[in-house]
């Protein structure tokens, strides 16, 4: 895989305590990679080092093949960053603020007007160009924050909790904007809201206890823990005690007279056993499916493993 980001054995120590240890990561040139981690896990430290805001204790960061330690200015030119608190100046208009950001990014004077127009158009704020940022809604302020992160056309965009604090309509709008941006460049989407990561991301990296505990596709994350419950609908259901006689079933909950959630343990072929019992005993089975684990449960299990 051709990567835009490569982290090699990245470690960082605050005083005598390691915040992250031996982080290795590859991120492709397009798409959205979700960065998960609970508070204090090392997620922010990793992002700050990746963006050049913090110098690592050990290891190397490569952005588009450029070593951040050896050529920091050149590497940072490849990155757009929206921190959790967007660095907005409330008494500037949208156009004034983005022009200032373009100058900070060393965009040539001759190219600022075009860069400004492209960023505002892409982020849907062109019609608010002359409005003070303090008079914008939360969703539009976040759009301006994203605009400053892409105004110099970076190869990598890092977004830290970009949907935090927005209402449902604003979240939907910002999600669409992030997807649009990710068609042309790599996006790192950091969030503690698991449902946001599930909706937006193609890949997931989870950091706990300063180490990577998971790095794979969103599908692999969703299926990380084997299901331990089955949903079953029957026209002529048996009593719960009858279901409990099948080896491996640990408990049964009826949500309606005909629908049951059946919990099991071990590696037994529970579905096959239930289908066979239904045929033999005339339960008239109407539907049966393994129930996926909730994302919160997967997160909890991965967090527990990192603590062991």
Protein backbone atom coordinates (compact mmCIF):
# COMPACT_ATOMS: atom_id res chain seq x y z
CA UNK A 1 0.00 0.00 0.00
CA UNK A 2 1.27 3.46 -0.91
CA UNK A 3 1.00 5.41 2.33
CA UNK A 4 0.66 9.10 3.11
CA UNK A 5 1.48 8.51 6.79
CA UNK A 6 4.00 6.09 8.23
CA UNK A 7 4.73 5.85 11.94
CA UNK A 8 7.66 3.67 12.98
CA UNK A 9 8.10 2.58 16.61
CA UNK A 10 6.72 5.91 17.84
CA UNK A 11 7.09 6.47 21.59
CA UNK A 12 6.81 9.49 23.84
CA UNK A 13 7.51 10.06 27.51
CA UNK A 14 6.19 12.81 29.78
CA UNK A 15 8.65 13.07 32.70
CA UNK A 16 9.10 9.41 33.68
CA UNK A 17 5.83 8.03 32.27
CA UNK A 18 5.38 6.73 28.73
CA UNK A 19 2.29 8.23 27.07
CA UNK A 20 2.63 6.06 23.95
CA UNK A 21 4.88 3.10 23.28
CA UNK A 22 5.95 1.52 19.99
CA UNK A 23 3.14 2.87 17.79
CA UNK A 24 3.33 1.65 14.19
CA UNK A 25 0.83 2.87 11.61
CA UNK A 26 0.31 3.08 7.84
CA UNK A 27 -2.39 5.28 6.32
CA UNK A 28 -3.29 5.21 2.62
CA UNK A 29 -3.59 8.20 0.31
CA UNK A 30 -7.40 8.50 0.37
CA UNK A 31 -10.26 7.47 2.63
CA UNK A 32 -11.10 7.97 6.29
CA UNK A 33 -9.20 6.29 9.12
CA UNK A 34 -10.89 6.41 12.52
CA UNK A 35 -8.64 6.92 15.53
CA UNK A 36 -10.26 5.59 18.69
CA UNK A 37 -9.11 5.74 22.27
CA UNK A 38 -10.46 6.53 25.72
CA UNK A 39 -9.30 9.57 27.68
CA UNK A 40 -5.59 9.32 28.47
CA UNK A 41 -5.03 6.45 26.03
CA UNK A 42 -2.40 8.34 24.00
CA UNK A 43 -4.58 9.38 21.07
CA UNK A 44 -3.94 13.12 21.35
CA UNK A 45 -0.22 12.61 21.90
CA UNK A 46 -0.04 10.53 18.71
CA UNK A 47 -1.92 13.18 16.71
CA UNK A 48 0.19 16.03 18.07
CA UNK A 49 3.41 14.24 17.12
CA UNK A 50 2.01 13.32 13.71
CA UNK A 51 1.13 16.97 13.03
CA UNK A 52 4.50 18.26 14.24
CA UNK A 53 3.14 20.00 17.35
CA UNK A 54 5.13 17.73 19.67
CA UNK A 55 8.55 16.14 19.26
CA UNK A 56 8.60 12.43 19.97
CA UNK A 57 10.99 10.74 22.39
CA UNK A 58 11.62 7.80 20.07
CA UNK A 59 10.64 6.62 16.60
CA UNK A 60 9.97 8.32 13.29
CA UNK A 61 7.06 10.03 11.50
CA UNK A 62 6.92 10.15 7.71
CA UNK A 63 4.34 12.33 5.95
CA UNK A 64 4.19 11.64 2.21
CA UNK A 65 7.68 10.15 2.52
CA UNK A 66 9.11 13.18 4.37
CA UNK A 67 10.72 12.63 7.77
CA UNK A 68 9.03 14.98 10.28
CA UNK A 69 12.12 15.11 12.50
CA UNK A 70 14.55 15.94 9.69
CA UNK A 71 12.35 18.23 7.53
CA UNK A 72 9.55 19.50 9.77
CA UNK A 73 8.48 22.49 7.65
CA UNK A 74 8.26 20.44 4.46
CA UNK A 75 6.35 17.67 6.25
CA UNK A 76 3.88 20.11 7.83
CA UNK A 77 3.07 21.56 4.43
CA UNK A 78 1.41 18.21 3.66
CA UNK A 79 -0.93 18.41 6.70
CA UNK A 80 -4.18 20.20 7.53
CA UNK A 81 -5.26 20.05 11.18
CA UNK A 82 -8.54 20.87 12.92
CA UNK A 83 -8.06 20.51 16.70
CA UNK A 84 -10.97 19.84 19.03
CA UNK A 85 -11.27 23.56 19.72
CA UNK A 86 -11.17 25.18 16.28
CA UNK A 87 -8.66 28.09 16.22
CA UNK A 88 -11.18 30.69 15.07
CA UNK A 89 -10.96 34.48 15.47
CA UNK A 90 -14.52 35.55 16.24
CA UNK A 91 -14.10 39.21 15.29
CA UNK A 92 -12.93 38.44 11.75
CA UNK A 93 -15.20 37.70 8.83
CA UNK A 94 -14.99 34.27 7.22
CA UNK A 95 -13.02 35.67 4.27
CA UNK A 96 -10.64 37.67 6.49
CA UNK A 97 -9.91 34.65 8.67
CA UNK A 98 -9.31 32.27 5.77
CA UNK A 99 -7.07 34.83 4.03
CA UNK A 100 -5.03 35.03 7.24
CA UNK A 101 -4.81 31.20 7.33
CA UNK A 102 -3.70 31.15 3.68
CA UNK A 103 -0.91 33.60 4.47
CA UNK A 104 0.15 31.49 7.46
CA UNK A 105 0.34 28.51 5.10
CA UNK A 106 2.69 30.50 2.82
CA UNK A 107 0.35 30.34 -0.16
CA UNK A 108 1.77 32.78 -2.75
CA UNK A 109 -0.10 36.13 -2.93
CA UNK A 110 -1.10 35.42 -6.50
CA UNK A 111 -2.82 32.20 -5.46
CA UNK A 112 -4.62 33.30 -2.29
CA UNK A 113 -7.82 34.49 -3.97
CA UNK A 114 -8.28 31.17 -5.82
CA UNK A 115 -7.42 29.12 -2.70
CA UNK A 116 -9.86 31.17 -0.62
CA UNK A 117 -12.68 30.74 -3.12
CA UNK A 118 -12.07 27.00 -3.52
CA UNK A 119 -12.00 26.32 0.24
CA UNK A 120 -15.14 28.36 0.93
CA UNK A 121 -16.99 26.73 -1.94
CA UNK A 122 -15.93 23.22 -0.90
CA UNK A 123 -17.01 23.79 2.70
CA UNK A 124 -20.27 25.56 1.83
CA UNK A 125 -19.47 28.91 3.47
CA UNK A 126 -18.98 31.13 0.38
CA UNK A 127 -22.33 32.88 0.98
CA UNK A 128 -21.12 33.83 4.48
CA UNK A 129 -17.78 35.25 3.31
CA UNK A 130 -18.45 38.71 4.77
CA UNK A 131 -20.16 37.57 7.98
CA UNK A 132 -18.36 37.73 11.33
CA UNK A 133 -17.47 34.25 12.58
CA UNK A 134 -19.08 35.01 15.96
CA UNK A 135 -22.44 35.35 14.18
CA UNK A 136 -22.28 31.87 12.61
CA UNK A 137 -23.99 28.77 14.00
CA UNK A 138 -21.90 25.97 15.51
CA UNK A 139 -22.16 23.91 12.35
CA UNK A 140 -20.93 26.72 10.12
CA UNK A 141 -18.10 27.57 12.51
CA UNK A 142 -17.00 23.96 12.20
CA UNK A 143 -17.16 24.27 8.41
CA UNK A 144 -14.88 27.31 8.60
CA UNK A 145 -12.52 25.30 10.81
CA UNK A 146 -12.41 22.55 8.18
CA UNK A 147 -11.88 25.16 5.46
CA UNK A 148 -8.71 26.43 7.17
CA UNK A 149 -7.46 22.84 7.34
CA UNK A 150 -7.79 22.29 3.58
CA UNK A 151 -7.08 25.75 2.17
CA UNK A 152 -3.51 24.78 1.17
CA UNK A 153 -4.65 21.49 -0.44
CA UNK A 154 -2.81 19.16 1.97
CA UNK A 155 -2.31 15.44 1.37
CA UNK A 156 -3.46 14.63 4.92
CA UNK A 157 -6.29 16.18 6.96
CA UNK A 158 -6.46 15.45 10.71
CA UNK A 159 -9.81 16.15 12.38
CA UNK A 160 -10.09 15.91 16.17
CA UNK A 161 -13.70 15.42 17.33
CA UNK A 162 -15.11 17.46 14.40
CA UNK A 163 -18.77 16.62 15.13
CA UNK A 164 -18.60 17.14 18.89
CA UNK A 165 -21.28 19.50 20.20
CA UNK A 166 -23.23 19.74 16.93
CA UNK A 167 -26.93 19.05 16.57
CA UNK A 168 -28.11 16.06 14.45
CA UNK A 169 -28.63 18.12 11.28
CA UNK A 170 -25.22 19.78 11.62
CA UNK A 171 -23.58 16.39 12.21
CA UNK A 172 -25.12 15.04 9.00
CA UNK A 173 -23.85 18.05 7.04
CA UNK A 174 -20.31 17.82 8.45
CA UNK A 175 -20.22 14.07 7.78
CA UNK A 176 -21.02 14.71 4.13
CA UNK A 177 -18.29 17.34 3.92
CA UNK A 178 -15.72 14.97 5.45
CA UNK A 179 -16.65 12.20 2.99
CA UNK A 180 -16.23 14.65 0.12
CA UNK A 181 -12.79 15.71 1.33
CA UNK A 182 -11.70 12.07 1.75
CA UNK A 183 -12.25 11.32 -1.93
CA UNK A 184 -9.06 13.20 -2.79
CA UNK A 185 -6.90 12.90 0.32
CA UNK A 186 -6.38 10.92 3.50
CA UNK A 187 -8.46 11.91 6.52
CA UNK A 188 -7.79 10.93 10.11
CA UNK A 189 -11.03 11.18 12.09
CA UNK A 190 -10.49 11.13 15.84
CA UNK A 191 -13.52 10.60 18.05
CA UNK A 192 -14.67 8.95 21.26
CA UNK A 193 -18.18 8.55 19.79
CA UNK A 194 -18.16 5.02 18.42
CA UNK A 195 -21.25 5.46 16.27
CA UNK A 196 -19.59 8.37 14.44
CA UNK A 197 -16.57 6.22 13.64
CA UNK A 198 -18.85 3.39 12.47
CA UNK A 199 -20.80 5.66 10.10
CA UNK A 200 -17.81 7.50 8.59
CA UNK A 201 -14.67 5.42 8.64
CA UNK A 202 -13.20 2.79 6.31
CA UNK A 203 -10.39 1.76 8.65
CA UNK A 204 -10.03 1.85 12.44
CA UNK A 205 -6.99 2.16 14.69
CA UNK A 206 -7.58 1.97 18.43
CA UNK A 207 -5.02 3.07 21.01
CA UNK A 208 -5.32 2.03 24.64
CA UNK A 209 -2.70 2.27 27.35
CA UNK A 210 -0.37 3.99 24.91
CA UNK A 211 -0.32 1.06 22.47
CA UNK A 212 -2.21 0.05 19.35
CA UNK A 213 -4.69 -2.66 20.33
CA UNK A 214 -6.58 -2.83 17.02
CA UNK A 215 -5.84 -1.80 13.42
CA UNK A 216 -8.05 -3.13 10.64
CA UNK A 217 -11.16 -2.41 8.58
CA UNK A 218 -14.45 -1.19 10.06
CA UNK A 219 -16.03 -4.53 9.18
CA UNK A 220 -13.33 -6.39 11.08
CA UNK A 221 -13.89 -4.10 14.08
CA UNK A 222 -17.64 -4.72 14.01
CA UNK A 223 -17.03 -8.48 14.01
CA UNK A 224 -14.06 -8.52 16.38
CA UNK A 225 -15.88 -10.36 19.16
CA UNK A 226 -17.85 -13.48 18.24
CA UNK A 227 -21.61 -13.02 18.80
CA UNK A 228 -22.95 -14.50 22.01
CA UNK A 229 -26.69 -14.09 21.48
CA UNK A 230 -29.31 -15.15 18.93
CA UNK A 231 -32.62 -13.56 18.00
CA UNK A 232 -35.32 -16.14 17.28
CA UNK A 233 -38.96 -15.77 16.17
CA UNK A 234 -41.38 -18.73 16.32
CA UNK A 235 -45.09 -19.27 15.72
CA UNK A 236 -45.29 -21.97 18.40
CA UNK A 237 -42.45 -21.20 20.85
CA UNK A 238 -41.46 -23.58 23.65
CA UNK A 239 -41.04 -22.58 27.27
CA UNK A 240 -37.74 -20.95 28.24
CA UNK A 241 -36.82 -24.03 30.30
CA UNK A 242 -37.04 -26.18 27.16
CA UNK A 243 -34.57 -23.94 25.33
CA UNK A 244 -32.21 -24.08 28.32
CA UNK A 245 -31.89 -27.88 27.90
CA UNK A 246 -29.91 -27.35 24.66
CA UNK A 247 -26.16 -27.57 25.46
CA UNK A 248 -24.39 -24.19 25.45
CA UNK A 249 -27.47 -22.00 26.04
CA UNK A 250 -27.03 -19.98 29.23
CA UNK A 251 -30.17 -17.84 29.41
CA UNK A 252 -33.34 -16.94 27.50
CA UNK A 253 -35.30 -13.65 27.38
CA UNK A 254 -38.68 -13.36 25.63
CA UNK A 255 -39.29 -9.81 24.33
CA UNK A 256 -42.73 -10.83 23.00
CA UNK A 257 -44.60 -14.15 23.27
CA UNK A 258 -43.05 -15.23 19.93
CA UNK A 259 -39.63 -13.53 20.00
CA UNK A 260 -36.71 -14.65 22.16
CA UNK A 261 -33.13 -13.51 22.71
CA UNK A 262 -31.04 -16.58 23.45
CA UNK A 263 -27.61 -16.23 25.09
CA UNK A 264 -24.98 -18.91 24.68
CA UNK A 265 -21.33 -19.68 25.45
CA UNK A 266 -18.71 -21.95 23.96
CA UNK A 267 -18.20 -23.06 20.37
CA UNK A 268 -21.26 -25.23 19.99
CA UNK A 269 -23.24 -24.98 16.74
CA UNK A 270 -26.15 -23.32 18.51
CA UNK A 271 -28.03 -22.13 15.42
CA UNK A 272 -27.99 -25.62 13.88
CA UNK A 273 -29.15 -27.14 17.17
CA UNK A 274 -32.04 -24.68 17.48
CA UNK A 275 -33.17 -25.26 13.88
CA UNK A 276 -33.08 -29.02 14.40
CA UNK A 277 -35.04 -28.76 17.67
CA UNK A 278 -37.62 -26.49 15.99
CA UNK A 279 -38.23 -29.07 13.26
CA UNK A 280 -38.44 -31.97 15.71
CA UNK A 281 -40.69 -30.20 18.22
CA UNK A 282 -42.84 -28.08 15.89
CA UNK A 283 -41.88 -24.59 17.01
CA UNK A 284 -42.59 -23.29 13.46
CA UNK A 285 -39.49 -21.16 13.17
CA UNK A 286 -40.02 -17.83 11.34
CA UNK A 287 -36.59 -16.22 11.75
CA UNK A 288 -33.23 -16.77 13.40
CA UNK A 289 -30.04 -14.67 13.38
CA UNK A 290 -26.83 -14.16 15.29
CA UNK A 291 -26.83 -10.79 17.05
CA UNK A 292 -23.76 -8.63 16.53
CA UNK A 293 -22.06 -7.14 19.55
CA UNK A 294 -22.59 -3.47 20.24
CA UNK A 295 -19.63 -1.24 19.43
CA UNK A 296 -19.45 -0.25 23.10
CA UNK A 297 -18.93 -3.91 24.03
CA UNK A 298 -16.11 -4.29 21.48
CA UNK A 299 -14.47 -1.11 22.76
CA UNK A 300 -14.74 -2.39 26.33
CA UNK A 301 -13.19 -5.76 25.47
CA UNK A 302 -10.27 -4.18 23.59
CA UNK A 303 -9.69 -1.77 26.49
CA UNK A 304 -9.61 -4.68 28.93
CA UNK A 305 -7.05 -6.53 26.82
CA UNK A 306 -4.72 -3.51 26.81
CA UNK A 307 -4.83 -3.35 30.59
CA UNK A 308 -3.75 -6.99 31.02
